[in-house]
Amino acid sequence: MTFSIAALCPDTGRIGLAVASSSPAVAARCAHLRAGIGAVASQNVTDPRLGPRGLDLMALGAAPAEALAILRATGPHIEHRQLALLDRQGRTAAWSGTGCLGVHATAQGKGVVSAGNLLANPGVPQAIVAGFLAAQGDFGGRVLAAMKAGLAAGGEAGPIRSIGMLVVADVPWPVVDLRVDWHDAPIAELERLWAVWRPQADAYVTRALNPGDAPSFGVPGNL
């Protein structure tokens, strides 16, 4: 009941992950990123411990395929899980356990990986990868375009209700962390939120690093 994308921006080195589901608050359980390291989508009867563990392994020098092999060898109840990994070099790995729910599939491309379960059809992850590679414009917009392509290709077997998108850059915290936790059209709603956040995102990084150079948005008490 989930489909996702992890991708690397070849121009900026930013790493993004978006995940959508029929369940509420999907990103809280399934989306894991670390600046300078990579991204892990841990989904299908989710074990959120696998995300940080995969990032730790890549931080120690494991390639995504190596990290995935270790997770498969050591993760509890691993056959119930579905995993997609991406590192800062754009290398990818993906896997679905034998207990993966419904129609499930993964797809990989240059600097992008997608996985999904309880899908309307097995072509959804490939549509997500193709959608990202074909998209133009800013990185967050490309990630959202990929998710829209997955939805257009059929998405889940039932309606999705939540989505999250995170992006990490060259600071330790996510520069994008947007979530729609229960909505009839969550991808469209996240696209609306992205339009609000996009012009402000870099300014909030400046505020953290060089407060004197940061613009004011005219909102009393803004952070």
N, C-alpha and C. Protein backbone atom coordinates (compact mmCIF):
# COMPACT_ATOMS: atom_id res chain seq x y z
N MET A 1 0.81 -1.20 0.00
CA MET A 1 0.00 0.00 0.00
C MET A 1 0.85 1.25 0.00
N THR A 2 1.99 1.16 -0.70
CA THR A 2 2.96 2.26 -0.70
C THR A 2 3.69 2.30 -2.03
N PHE A 3 3.98 3.52 -2.52
CA PHE A 3 4.95 3.65 -3.60
C PHE A 3 5.83 4.85 -3.32
N SER A 4 7.09 4.75 -3.77
CA SER A 4 8.09 5.73 -3.36
C SER A 4 9.11 5.97 -4.45
N ILE A 5 9.88 7.05 -4.25
CA ILE A 5 11.02 7.37 -5.09
C ILE A 5 12.13 7.93 -4.22
N ALA A 6 13.35 7.52 -4.48
CA ALA A 6 14.54 8.17 -3.94
C ALA A 6 15.38 8.59 -5.13
N ALA A 7 15.88 9.82 -5.09
CA ALA A 7 16.57 10.34 -6.27
C ALA A 7 17.69 11.29 -5.87
N LEU A 8 18.68 11.39 -6.74
CA LEU A 8 19.81 12.31 -6.60
C LEU A 8 19.69 13.39 -7.65
N CYS A 9 19.88 14.66 -7.23
CA CYS A 9 19.93 15.75 -8.20
C CYS A 9 21.35 15.85 -8.74
N PRO A 10 21.56 15.61 -10.02
CA PRO A 10 22.93 15.61 -10.55
C PRO A 10 23.56 16.99 -10.55
N ASP A 11 22.76 18.04 -10.50
CA ASP A 11 23.29 19.40 -10.55
C ASP A 11 23.73 19.92 -9.18
N THR A 12 22.98 19.57 -8.13
CA THR A 12 23.24 20.12 -6.80
C THR A 12 23.76 19.10 -5.80
N GLY A 13 23.62 17.82 -6.10
CA GLY A 13 23.98 16.78 -5.16
C GLY A 13 22.93 16.55 -4.08
N ARG A 14 21.80 17.25 -4.15
CA ARG A 14 20.74 17.03 -3.19
C ARG A 14 20.11 15.65 -3.38
N ILE A 15 19.64 15.09 -2.28
CA ILE A 15 19.00 13.78 -2.29
C ILE A 15 17.58 13.94 -1.80
N GLY A 16 16.62 13.36 -2.51
CA GLY A 16 15.23 13.48 -2.13
C GLY A 16 14.55 12.12 -2.06
N LEU A 17 13.52 12.07 -1.24
CA LEU A 17 12.71 10.86 -1.14
C LEU A 17 11.26 11.28 -0.95
N ALA A 18 10.37 10.69 -1.73
CA ALA A 18 8.94 10.89 -1.56
C ALA A 18 8.27 9.53 -1.47
N VAL A 19 7.24 9.46 -0.63
CA VAL A 19 6.53 8.19 -0.43
C VAL A 19 5.06 8.49 -0.21
N ALA A 20 4.19 7.70 -0.83
CA ALA A 20 2.74 7.87 -0.72
C ALA A 20 2.10 6.56 -0.32
N SER A 21 0.95 6.65 0.35
CA SER A 21 0.29 5.44 0.85
C SER A 21 -1.18 5.69 1.11
N SER A 22 -1.94 4.61 1.22
CA SER A 22 -3.32 4.69 1.69
C SER A 22 -3.38 4.86 3.20
N SER A 23 -2.29 4.62 3.88
CA SER A 23 -2.23 4.76 5.34
C SER A 23 -1.81 6.17 5.73
N PRO A 24 -2.21 6.64 6.90
CA PRO A 24 -1.81 7.98 7.33
C PRO A 24 -0.34 8.04 7.75
N ALA A 25 0.22 9.27 7.63
CA ALA A 25 1.56 9.57 8.15
C ALA A 25 2.62 8.61 7.62
N VAL A 26 2.59 8.32 6.33
CA VAL A 26 3.49 7.31 5.77
C VAL A 26 4.95 7.72 5.89
N ALA A 27 5.25 9.01 5.71
CA ALA A 27 6.66 9.43 5.71
C ALA A 27 7.31 9.25 7.07
N ALA A 28 6.52 9.31 8.14
CA ALA A 28 7.07 9.15 9.49
C ALA A 28 7.68 7.76 9.69
N ARG A 29 7.19 6.77 8.94
CA ARG A 29 7.67 5.41 9.10
C ARG A 29 8.62 4.95 8.00
N CYS A 30 8.45 5.51 6.82
CA CYS A 30 9.09 4.91 5.64
C CYS A 30 10.22 5.73 5.02
N ALA A 31 10.32 7.02 5.30
CA ALA A 31 11.28 7.90 4.61
C ALA A 31 12.46 8.19 5.52
N HIS A 32 13.65 7.83 5.06
CA HIS A 32 14.87 8.00 5.84
C HIS A 32 15.96 8.59 4.95
N LEU A 33 16.48 9.75 5.35
CA LEU A 33 17.54 10.41 4.59
C LEU A 33 18.61 10.91 5.55
N ARG A 34 19.82 11.06 5.02
CA ARG A 34 20.91 11.64 5.78
C ARG A 34 21.78 12.45 4.83
N ALA A 35 22.00 13.71 5.16
CA ALA A 35 22.80 14.58 4.30
C ALA A 35 24.19 14.00 4.10
N GLY A 36 24.65 14.01 2.85
CA GLY A 36 25.96 13.50 2.52
C GLY A 36 26.08 12.00 2.48
N ILE A 37 24.99 11.29 2.76
CA ILE A 37 25.03 9.82 2.81
C ILE A 37 24.08 9.21 1.78
N GLY A 38 22.77 9.43 1.92
CA GLY A 38 21.84 8.83 0.98
C GLY A 38 20.43 8.77 1.52
N ALA A 39 19.67 7.84 0.99
CA ALA A 39 18.26 7.69 1.35
C ALA A 39 17.90 6.22 1.37
N VAL A 40 16.96 5.88 2.26
CA VAL A 40 16.42 4.53 2.34
C VAL A 40 14.91 4.64 2.48
N ALA A 41 14.18 3.98 1.61
CA ALA A 41 12.74 3.79 1.78
C ALA A 41 12.53 2.40 2.33
N SER A 42 11.95 2.33 3.53
CA SER A 42 11.66 1.06 4.19
C SER A 42 10.15 0.92 4.27
N GLN A 43 9.58 -0.01 3.52
CA GLN A 43 8.13 -0.06 3.39
C GLN A 43 7.61 -1.50 3.34
N ASN A 44 6.29 -1.63 3.26
CA ASN A 44 5.58 -2.91 3.29
C ASN A 44 5.73 -3.60 4.64
N VAL A 45 4.68 -3.56 5.46
CA VAL A 45 4.77 -4.03 6.85
C VAL A 45 6.05 -3.44 7.45
N THR A 46 6.08 -2.12 7.50
CA THR A 46 7.30 -1.35 7.66
C THR A 46 8.03 -1.62 8.97
N ASP A 47 9.33 -1.76 8.88
CA ASP A 47 10.21 -1.74 10.05
C ASP A 47 11.06 -0.49 9.95
N PRO A 48 10.70 0.60 10.65
CA PRO A 48 11.44 1.85 10.52
C PRO A 48 12.90 1.76 10.96
N ARG A 49 13.27 0.72 11.70
CA ARG A 49 14.66 0.57 12.11
C ARG A 49 15.59 0.32 10.93
N LEU A 50 15.05 -0.22 9.84
CA LEU A 50 15.90 -0.55 8.70
C LEU A 50 16.43 0.68 7.99
N GLY A 51 15.70 1.79 8.05
CA GLY A 51 16.16 3.00 7.38
C GLY A 51 17.45 3.54 7.99
N PRO A 52 17.46 3.88 9.29
CA PRO A 52 18.71 4.34 9.90
C PRO A 52 19.84 3.34 9.80
N ARG A 53 19.52 2.04 9.91
CA ARG A 53 20.56 1.02 9.80
C ARG A 53 21.18 1.04 8.41
N GLY A 54 20.36 1.16 7.38
CA GLY A 54 20.90 1.24 6.02
C GLY A 54 21.76 2.47 5.83
N LEU A 55 21.34 3.61 6.38
CA LEU A 55 22.13 4.83 6.28
C LEU A 55 23.45 4.70 7.03
N ASP A 56 23.42 4.05 8.20
CA ASP A 56 24.66 3.81 8.95
C ASP A 56 25.64 2.99 8.11
N LEU A 57 25.13 1.95 7.46
CA LEU A 57 26.00 1.10 6.65
C LEU A 57 26.60 1.87 5.48
N MET A 58 25.82 2.71 4.82
CA MET A 58 26.36 3.50 3.72
C MET A 58 27.34 4.54 4.24
N ALA A 59 27.09 5.09 5.43
CA ALA A 59 28.03 6.04 6.02
C ALA A 59 29.38 5.39 6.30
N LEU A 60 29.38 4.09 6.57
CA LEU A 60 30.61 3.36 6.83
C LEU A 60 31.31 2.92 5.54
N GLY A 61 30.69 3.21 4.40
CA GLY A 61 31.33 2.93 3.12
C GLY A 61 30.68 1.86 2.28
N ALA A 62 29.62 1.24 2.77
CA ALA A 62 28.94 0.21 1.99
C ALA A 62 28.19 0.84 0.81
N ALA A 63 28.29 0.23 -0.34
CA ALA A 63 27.45 0.62 -1.47
C ALA A 63 26.01 0.19 -1.18
N PRO A 64 25.02 0.79 -1.84
CA PRO A 64 23.64 0.39 -1.57
C PRO A 64 23.40 -1.11 -1.68
N ALA A 65 23.97 -1.75 -2.68
CA ALA A 65 23.77 -3.19 -2.83
C ALA A 65 24.36 -3.95 -1.65
N GLU A 66 25.51 -3.50 -1.16
CA GLU A 66 26.13 -4.15 0.00
C GLU A 66 25.31 -3.92 1.26
N ALA A 67 24.84 -2.68 1.44
CA ALA A 67 24.01 -2.38 2.60
C ALA A 67 22.72 -3.20 2.57
N LEU A 68 22.13 -3.32 1.40
CA LEU A 68 20.92 -4.12 1.26
C LEU A 68 21.17 -5.58 1.62
N ALA A 69 22.29 -6.12 1.18
CA ALA A 69 22.60 -7.52 1.49
C ALA A 69 22.73 -7.73 3.00
N ILE A 70 23.32 -6.76 3.68
CA ILE A 70 23.46 -6.88 5.14
C ILE A 70 22.10 -6.77 5.82
N LEU A 71 21.28 -5.85 5.37
CA LEU A 71 19.94 -5.72 5.94
C LEU A 71 19.14 -7.00 5.74
N ARG A 72 19.25 -7.59 4.56
CA ARG A 72 18.52 -8.83 4.31
C ARG A 72 19.02 -9.97 5.18
N ALA A 73 20.32 -9.95 5.48
CA ALA A 73 20.90 -11.03 6.27
C ALA A 73 20.62 -10.87 7.76
N THR A 74 20.37 -9.66 8.21
CA THR A 74 20.29 -9.41 9.65
C THR A 74 18.95 -8.86 10.12
N GLY A 75 18.11 -8.36 9.22
CA GLY A 75 16.86 -7.74 9.63
C GLY A 75 15.83 -8.75 10.11
N PRO A 76 15.15 -8.46 11.19
CA PRO A 76 14.11 -9.39 11.68
C PRO A 76 12.91 -9.41 10.74
N HIS A 77 12.36 -10.60 10.52
CA HIS A 77 11.16 -10.76 9.68
C HIS A 77 11.35 -10.11 8.31
N ILE A 78 12.55 -10.25 7.76
CA ILE A 78 12.93 -9.47 6.59
C ILE A 78 12.08 -9.79 5.37
N GLU A 79 11.50 -10.98 5.28
CA GLU A 79 10.73 -11.32 4.09
C GLU A 79 9.43 -10.50 3.98
N HIS A 80 9.05 -9.83 5.05
CA HIS A 80 7.87 -8.96 5.00
C HIS A 80 8.19 -7.56 4.49
N ARG A 81 9.46 -7.26 4.25
CA ARG A 81 9.87 -5.89 3.98
C ARG A 81 10.12 -5.64 2.49
N GLN A 82 10.05 -4.36 2.15
CA GLN A 82 10.46 -3.89 0.82
C GLN A 82 11.38 -2.70 1.04
N LEU A 83 12.51 -2.67 0.32
CA LEU A 83 13.54 -1.66 0.56
C LEU A 83 14.03 -1.06 -0.74
N ALA A 84 14.32 0.24 -0.70
CA ALA A 84 14.95 0.94 -1.81
C ALA A 84 16.02 1.85 -1.24
N LEU A 85 17.23 1.77 -1.77
CA LEU A 85 18.36 2.53 -1.25
C LEU A 85 19.03 3.33 -2.36
N LEU A 86 19.55 4.49 -1.98
CA LEU A 86 20.27 5.38 -2.90
C LEU A 86 21.40 6.03 -2.11
N ASP A 87 22.59 6.12 -2.70
CA ASP A 87 23.67 6.83 -2.00
C ASP A 87 24.02 8.12 -2.71
N ARG A 88 24.96 8.87 -2.15
CA ARG A 88 25.30 10.20 -2.65
C ARG A 88 25.96 10.16 -4.02
N GLN A 89 26.42 8.99 -4.45
CA GLN A 89 26.98 8.83 -5.78
C GLN A 89 25.92 8.48 -6.82
N GLY A 90 24.69 8.29 -6.37
CA GLY A 90 23.62 7.92 -7.28
C GLY A 90 23.47 6.44 -7.50
N ARG A 91 24.22 5.63 -6.75
CA ARG A 91 24.07 4.18 -6.86
C ARG A 91 22.80 3.75 -6.14
N THR A 92 22.18 2.69 -6.63
CA THR A 92 20.88 2.29 -6.10
C THR A 92 20.82 0.78 -5.86
N ALA A 93 19.85 0.39 -5.05
CA ALA A 93 19.52 -1.02 -4.84
C ALA A 93 18.08 -1.09 -4.38
N ALA A 94 17.40 -2.19 -4.71
CA ALA A 94 16.00 -2.35 -4.31
C ALA A 94 15.69 -3.83 -4.20
N TRP A 95 14.71 -4.13 -3.35
CA TRP A 95 14.38 -5.54 -3.09
C TRP A 95 13.00 -5.63 -2.48
N SER A 96 12.29 -6.71 -2.82
CA SER A 96 10.98 -7.02 -2.24
C SER A 96 11.02 -8.41 -1.64
N GLY A 97 10.64 -8.55 -0.37
CA GLY A 97 10.60 -9.85 0.26
C GLY A 97 9.46 -10.70 -0.25
N THR A 98 9.53 -11.99 0.03
CA THR A 98 8.51 -12.91 -0.45
C THR A 98 7.15 -12.63 0.20
N GLY A 99 7.15 -11.93 1.33
CA GLY A 99 5.90 -11.57 1.98
C GLY A 99 5.37 -10.21 1.57
N CYS A 100 5.91 -9.65 0.52
CA CYS A 100 5.46 -8.33 0.06
C CYS A 100 4.01 -8.42 -0.41
N LEU A 101 3.23 -7.40 -0.10
CA LEU A 101 1.78 -7.46 -0.28
C LEU A 101 1.36 -7.16 -1.72
N GLY A 102 0.40 -7.92 -2.20
CA GLY A 102 -0.25 -7.64 -3.47
C GLY A 102 0.70 -7.60 -4.65
N VAL A 103 0.34 -6.80 -5.66
CA VAL A 103 1.22 -6.56 -6.80
C VAL A 103 2.35 -5.66 -6.33
N HIS A 104 3.57 -6.08 -6.52
CA HIS A 104 4.71 -5.28 -6.06
C HIS A 104 5.80 -5.30 -7.11
N ALA A 105 6.63 -4.26 -7.09
CA ALA A 105 7.69 -4.14 -8.09
C ALA A 105 8.68 -3.08 -7.63
N THR A 106 9.86 -3.10 -8.25
CA THR A 106 10.87 -2.05 -8.07
C THR A 106 11.40 -1.67 -9.43
N ALA A 107 12.04 -0.50 -9.51
CA ALA A 107 12.66 -0.04 -10.75
C ALA A 107 13.82 0.86 -10.40
N GLN A 108 14.85 0.84 -11.25
CA GLN A 108 16.03 1.65 -11.01
C GLN A 108 16.46 2.33 -12.29
N GLY A 109 17.01 3.54 -12.15
CA GLY A 109 17.58 4.28 -13.26
C GLY A 109 18.80 5.02 -12.77
N LYS A 110 19.36 5.85 -13.61
CA LYS A 110 20.56 6.60 -13.23
C LYS A 110 20.20 7.61 -12.14
N GLY A 111 20.67 7.33 -10.92
CA GLY A 111 20.43 8.24 -9.81
C GLY A 111 19.02 8.25 -9.30
N VAL A 112 18.26 7.17 -9.52
CA VAL A 112 16.86 7.14 -9.07
C VAL A 112 16.42 5.70 -8.87
N VAL A 113 15.60 5.48 -7.83
CA VAL A 113 15.08 4.15 -7.55
C VAL A 113 13.65 4.30 -7.04
N SER A 114 12.80 3.33 -7.38
CA SER A 114 11.41 3.37 -6.96
C SER A 114 10.98 1.97 -6.55
N ALA A 115 10.06 1.91 -5.59
CA ALA A 115 9.51 0.64 -5.14
C ALA A 115 8.05 0.85 -4.77
N GLY A 116 7.26 -0.22 -4.91
CA GLY A 116 5.85 -0.12 -4.54
C GLY A 116 5.25 -1.48 -4.26
N ASN A 117 4.19 -1.47 -3.45
CA ASN A 117 3.46 -2.69 -3.14
C ASN A 117 1.97 -2.39 -3.10
N LEU A 118 1.16 -3.43 -3.20
CA LEU A 118 -0.29 -3.29 -3.36
C LEU A 118 -0.62 -2.30 -4.48
N LEU A 119 0.09 -2.47 -5.59
CA LEU A 119 -0.03 -1.55 -6.72
C LEU A 119 -1.18 -1.95 -7.64
N ALA A 120 -1.63 -0.98 -8.41
CA ALA A 120 -2.64 -1.28 -9.43
C ALA A 120 -2.06 -2.16 -10.53
N ASN A 121 -0.74 -2.01 -10.80
CA ASN A 121 -0.07 -2.83 -11.79
C ASN A 121 1.43 -2.73 -11.54
N PRO A 122 2.21 -3.71 -12.04
CA PRO A 122 3.64 -3.73 -11.74
C PRO A 122 4.45 -2.67 -12.47
N GLY A 123 3.85 -1.91 -13.38
CA GLY A 123 4.58 -0.89 -14.12
C GLY A 123 4.71 0.44 -13.41
N VAL A 124 4.09 0.57 -12.24
CA VAL A 124 4.08 1.87 -11.55
C VAL A 124 5.49 2.34 -11.18
N PRO A 125 6.35 1.53 -10.55
CA PRO A 125 7.70 2.03 -10.24
C PRO A 125 8.49 2.47 -11.47
N GLN A 126 8.36 1.74 -12.57
CA GLN A 126 9.08 2.14 -13.78
C GLN A 126 8.54 3.47 -14.30
N ALA A 127 7.24 3.69 -14.18
CA ALA A 127 6.67 4.98 -14.58
C ALA A 127 7.20 6.11 -13.71
N ILE A 128 7.41 5.83 -12.42
CA ILE A 128 7.97 6.84 -11.52
C ILE A 128 9.40 7.18 -11.93
N VAL A 129 10.22 6.17 -12.19
CA VAL A 129 11.60 6.40 -12.62
C VAL A 129 11.63 7.19 -13.92
N ALA A 130 10.82 6.78 -14.88
CA ALA A 130 10.78 7.48 -16.16
C ALA A 130 10.29 8.91 -16.00
N GLY A 131 9.31 9.09 -15.11
CA GLY A 131 8.79 10.43 -14.88
C GLY A 131 9.83 11.36 -14.30
N PHE A 132 10.65 10.85 -13.39
CA PHE A 132 11.71 11.68 -12.82
C PHE A 132 12.75 12.03 -13.87
N LEU A 133 13.18 11.05 -14.64
CA LEU A 133 14.23 11.29 -15.63
C LEU A 133 13.78 12.24 -16.73
N ALA A 134 12.48 12.26 -17.00
CA ALA A 134 11.96 13.13 -18.06
C ALA A 134 11.61 14.53 -17.57
N ALA A 135 11.46 14.69 -16.27
CA ALA A 135 10.98 15.97 -15.73
C ALA A 135 12.04 17.06 -15.84
N GLN A 136 11.58 18.28 -15.91
CA GLN A 136 12.44 19.46 -15.97
C GLN A 136 12.16 20.34 -14.76
N GLY A 137 13.04 21.31 -14.52
CA GLY A 137 12.80 22.28 -13.46
C GLY A 137 13.52 21.94 -12.17
N ASP A 138 13.02 22.50 -11.06
CA ASP A 138 13.68 22.33 -9.77
C ASP A 138 13.56 20.89 -9.29
N PHE A 139 14.46 20.52 -8.40
CA PHE A 139 14.55 19.13 -7.96
C PHE A 139 13.28 18.65 -7.28
N GLY A 140 12.76 19.44 -6.34
CA GLY A 140 11.52 19.03 -5.68
C GLY A 140 10.38 18.85 -6.65
N GLY A 141 10.30 19.73 -7.63
CA GLY A 141 9.27 19.60 -8.65
C GLY A 141 9.42 18.35 -9.47
N ARG A 142 10.67 17.94 -9.74
CA ARG A 142 10.91 16.72 -10.49
C ARG A 142 10.48 15.48 -9.69
N VAL A 143 10.77 15.50 -8.39
CA VAL A 143 10.35 14.39 -7.53
C VAL A 143 8.82 14.28 -7.52
N LEU A 144 8.15 15.42 -7.41
CA LEU A 144 6.69 15.41 -7.42
C LEU A 144 6.15 14.97 -8.77
N ALA A 145 6.80 15.39 -9.85
CA ALA A 145 6.38 14.96 -11.18
C ALA A 145 6.47 13.45 -11.31
N ALA A 146 7.49 12.86 -10.72
CA ALA A 146 7.64 11.41 -10.76
C ALA A 146 6.51 10.72 -10.01
N MET A 147 6.15 11.27 -8.84
CA MET A 147 5.06 10.67 -8.08
C MET A 147 3.73 10.81 -8.83
N LYS A 148 3.53 11.93 -9.50
CA LYS A 148 2.32 12.11 -10.30
C LYS A 148 2.30 11.11 -11.46
N ALA A 149 3.48 10.83 -12.04
CA ALA A 149 3.54 9.84 -13.12
C ALA A 149 3.17 8.46 -12.60
N GLY A 150 3.61 8.14 -11.39
CA GLY A 150 3.23 6.86 -10.79
C GLY A 150 1.74 6.77 -10.54
N LEU A 151 1.15 7.87 -10.08
CA LEU A 151 -0.29 7.88 -9.86
C LEU A 151 -1.04 7.73 -11.18
N ALA A 152 -0.56 8.43 -12.22
CA ALA A 152 -1.20 8.34 -13.53
C ALA A 152 -1.09 6.94 -14.13
N ALA A 153 -0.03 6.23 -13.76
CA ALA A 153 0.16 4.86 -14.26
C ALA A 153 -0.68 3.84 -13.50
N GLY A 154 -1.40 4.29 -12.49
CA GLY A 154 -2.28 3.41 -11.74
C GLY A 154 -2.14 3.54 -10.24
N GLY A 155 -0.92 3.90 -9.78
CA GLY A 155 -0.70 4.08 -8.35
C GLY A 155 -1.02 2.81 -7.56
N GLU A 156 -1.58 3.00 -6.40
CA GLU A 156 -2.00 1.86 -5.59
C GLU A 156 -3.28 1.24 -6.13
N ALA A 157 -3.56 0.05 -5.64
CA ALA A 157 -4.80 -0.60 -6.03
C ALA A 157 -6.02 0.15 -5.50
N GLY A 158 -5.85 0.87 -4.40
CA GLY A 158 -6.90 1.72 -3.83
C GLY A 158 -6.43 3.16 -3.76
N PRO A 159 -7.24 4.07 -3.22
CA PRO A 159 -6.86 5.47 -3.16
C PRO A 159 -5.74 5.72 -2.16
N ILE A 160 -4.84 6.65 -2.49
CA ILE A 160 -3.82 7.05 -1.53
C ILE A 160 -4.36 8.20 -0.67
N ARG A 161 -3.86 8.29 0.55
CA ARG A 161 -4.33 9.30 1.50
C ARG A 161 -3.22 10.16 2.08
N SER A 162 -1.97 9.71 2.00
CA SER A 162 -0.89 10.50 2.59
C SER A 162 0.34 10.45 1.71
N ILE A 163 1.19 11.47 1.87
CA ILE A 163 2.45 11.56 1.14
C ILE A 163 3.41 12.42 1.93
N GLY A 164 4.68 12.14 1.82
CA GLY A 164 5.71 12.98 2.39
C GLY A 164 6.84 13.13 1.39
N MET A 165 7.51 14.29 1.42
CA MET A 165 8.68 14.52 0.58
C MET A 165 9.75 15.18 1.44
N LEU A 166 10.94 14.59 1.45
CA LEU A 166 12.08 15.14 2.17
C LEU A 166 13.25 15.30 1.20
N VAL A 167 14.03 16.36 1.43
CA VAL A 167 15.23 16.61 0.64
C VAL A 167 16.34 17.02 1.60
N VAL A 168 17.52 16.44 1.42
CA VAL A 168 18.69 16.86 2.17
C VAL A 168 19.70 17.47 1.22
N ALA A 169 20.49 18.42 1.76
CA ALA A 169 21.46 19.14 0.96
C ALA A 169 22.82 19.09 1.66
N ASP A 170 23.43 20.26 1.87
CA ASP A 170 24.76 20.29 2.48
C ASP A 170 24.73 20.79 3.91
N VAL A 171 23.58 20.67 4.56
CA VAL A 171 23.46 20.94 5.99
C VAL A 171 22.88 19.70 6.65
N PRO A 172 23.04 19.54 7.97
CA PRO A 172 22.66 18.27 8.61
C PRO A 172 21.16 18.00 8.67
N TRP A 173 20.33 19.03 8.50
CA TRP A 173 18.89 18.83 8.62
C TRP A 173 18.24 18.81 7.24
N PRO A 174 17.04 18.26 7.10
CA PRO A 174 16.35 18.31 5.80
C PRO A 174 16.00 19.74 5.43
N VAL A 175 16.31 20.13 4.20
CA VAL A 175 15.92 21.46 3.73
C VAL A 175 14.48 21.46 3.23
N VAL A 176 13.93 20.28 2.99
CA VAL A 176 12.52 20.10 2.67
C VAL A 176 12.00 18.94 3.52
N ASP A 177 10.90 19.16 4.21
CA ASP A 177 10.23 18.10 4.97
C ASP A 177 8.75 18.45 4.98
N LEU A 178 8.07 18.08 3.91
CA LEU A 178 6.65 18.42 3.72
C LEU A 178 5.83 17.13 3.77
N ARG A 179 4.69 17.20 4.46
CA ARG A 179 3.87 16.00 4.62
C ARG A 179 2.39 16.34 4.57
N VAL A 180 1.66 15.47 3.92
CA VAL A 180 0.20 15.52 3.94
C VAL A 180 -0.24 14.18 4.52
N ASP A 181 -0.79 14.20 5.70
CA ASP A 181 -0.99 12.96 6.44
C ASP A 181 -2.37 12.34 6.29
N TRP A 182 -3.36 13.09 5.74
CA TRP A 182 -4.67 12.48 5.47
C TRP A 182 -5.45 13.43 4.57
N HIS A 183 -5.60 13.05 3.30
CA HIS A 183 -6.21 13.96 2.33
C HIS A 183 -6.76 13.12 1.18
N ASP A 184 -7.80 13.62 0.53
CA ASP A 184 -8.38 12.89 -0.61
C ASP A 184 -7.49 12.96 -1.85
N ALA A 185 -6.65 14.00 -1.96
CA ALA A 185 -5.75 14.15 -3.10
C ALA A 185 -4.38 14.60 -2.58
N PRO A 186 -3.66 13.72 -1.89
CA PRO A 186 -2.46 14.15 -1.19
C PRO A 186 -1.32 14.63 -2.09
N ILE A 187 -1.16 14.05 -3.26
CA ILE A 187 -0.08 14.50 -4.14
C ILE A 187 -0.35 15.92 -4.62
N ALA A 188 -1.56 16.21 -5.02
CA ALA A 188 -1.91 17.56 -5.44
C ALA A 188 -1.76 18.55 -4.29
N GLU A 189 -2.13 18.13 -3.08
CA GLU A 189 -1.98 19.01 -1.92
C GLU A 189 -0.51 19.26 -1.59
N LEU A 190 0.32 18.23 -1.73
CA LEU A 190 1.75 18.43 -1.49
C LEU A 190 2.36 19.34 -2.55
N GLU A 191 1.88 19.23 -3.77
CA GLU A 191 2.34 20.13 -4.82
C GLU A 191 2.01 21.58 -4.47
N ARG A 192 0.85 21.81 -3.88
CA ARG A 192 0.47 23.16 -3.44
C ARG A 192 1.40 23.63 -2.32
N LEU A 193 1.70 22.75 -1.37
CA LEU A 193 2.61 23.11 -0.29
C LEU A 193 4.02 23.38 -0.81
N TRP A 194 4.45 22.62 -1.79
CA TRP A 194 5.78 22.82 -2.37
C TRP A 194 5.87 24.21 -3.02
N ALA A 195 4.82 24.64 -3.65
CA ALA A 195 4.83 25.98 -4.26
C ALA A 195 4.98 27.07 -3.20
N VAL A 196 4.45 26.83 -2.01
CA VAL A 196 4.60 27.78 -0.90
C VAL A 196 6.01 27.73 -0.32
N TRP A 197 6.54 26.53 -0.13
CA TRP A 197 7.81 26.36 0.55
C TRP A 197 9.01 26.66 -0.34
N ARG A 198 8.92 26.33 -1.61
CA ARG A 198 10.08 26.41 -2.52
C ARG A 198 10.78 27.77 -2.48
N PRO A 199 10.09 28.91 -2.58
CA PRO A 199 10.81 30.19 -2.59
C PRO A 199 11.39 30.59 -1.24
N GLN A 200 11.01 29.88 -0.16
CA GLN A 200 11.50 30.23 1.16
C GLN A 200 12.59 29.29 1.67
N ALA A 201 12.74 28.14 1.08
CA ALA A 201 13.56 27.08 1.64
C ALA A 201 15.01 27.52 1.85
N ASP A 202 15.63 28.11 0.85
CA ASP A 202 17.04 28.49 0.97
C ASP A 202 17.23 29.59 2.00
N ALA A 203 16.24 30.47 2.13
CA ALA A 203 16.36 31.56 3.10
C ALA A 203 16.42 31.03 4.52
N TYR A 204 15.73 29.93 4.80
CA TYR A 204 15.77 29.37 6.15
C TYR A 204 17.12 28.73 6.44
N VAL A 205 17.80 28.22 5.43
CA VAL A 205 19.16 27.75 5.62
C VAL A 205 20.08 28.92 5.95
N THR A 206 19.93 30.03 5.20
CA THR A 206 20.72 31.23 5.47
C THR A 206 20.48 31.74 6.88
N ARG A 207 19.24 31.71 7.33
CA ARG A 207 18.92 32.16 8.68
C ARG A 207 19.66 31.35 9.73
N ALA A 208 19.81 30.06 9.47
CA ALA A 208 20.52 29.22 10.43
C ALA A 208 22.02 29.50 10.43
N LEU A 209 22.59 29.67 9.25
CA LEU A 209 24.04 29.78 9.14
C LEU A 209 24.55 31.21 9.28
N ASN A 210 23.83 32.16 8.71
CA ASN A 210 24.25 33.56 8.70
C ASN A 210 23.04 34.45 8.93
N PRO A 211 22.55 34.54 10.17
CA PRO A 211 21.30 35.25 10.44
C PRO A 211 21.28 36.68 9.95
N GLY A 212 22.43 37.35 9.96
CA GLY A 212 22.45 38.74 9.52
C GLY A 212 22.19 38.92 8.05
N ASP A 213 22.40 37.88 7.28
CA ASP A 213 22.19 37.96 5.82
C ASP A 213 20.83 37.46 5.39
N ALA A 214 20.03 36.99 6.36
CA ALA A 214 18.77 36.33 6.00
C ALA A 214 17.67 37.35 5.82
N PRO A 215 16.84 37.16 4.80
CA PRO A 215 15.69 38.06 4.61
C PRO A 215 14.61 37.80 5.65
N SER A 216 13.81 38.80 5.89
CA SER A 216 12.64 38.64 6.76
C SER A 216 11.42 38.42 5.89
N PHE A 217 10.56 37.52 6.33
CA PHE A 217 9.35 37.24 5.58
C PHE A 217 8.17 38.05 6.09
N GLY A 218 8.42 38.91 7.06
CA GLY A 218 7.36 39.77 7.54
C GLY A 218 6.35 39.08 8.40
N VAL A 219 6.72 37.96 9.00
CA VAL A 219 5.80 37.22 9.86
C VAL A 219 6.31 37.31 11.30
N PRO A 220 5.58 37.91 12.21
CA PRO A 220 6.07 38.05 13.58
C PRO A 220 6.38 36.69 14.20
N GLY A 221 7.59 36.61 14.77
CA GLY A 221 7.97 35.39 15.47
C GLY A 221 8.34 34.24 14.55
N ASN A 222 8.55 34.49 13.22
CA ASN A 222 8.90 33.37 12.37
C ASN A 222 10.31 32.88 12.68
N LEU A 223 10.57 31.61 12.41
CA LEU A 223 11.80 30.96 12.84
C LEU A 223 12.87 31.09 11.79
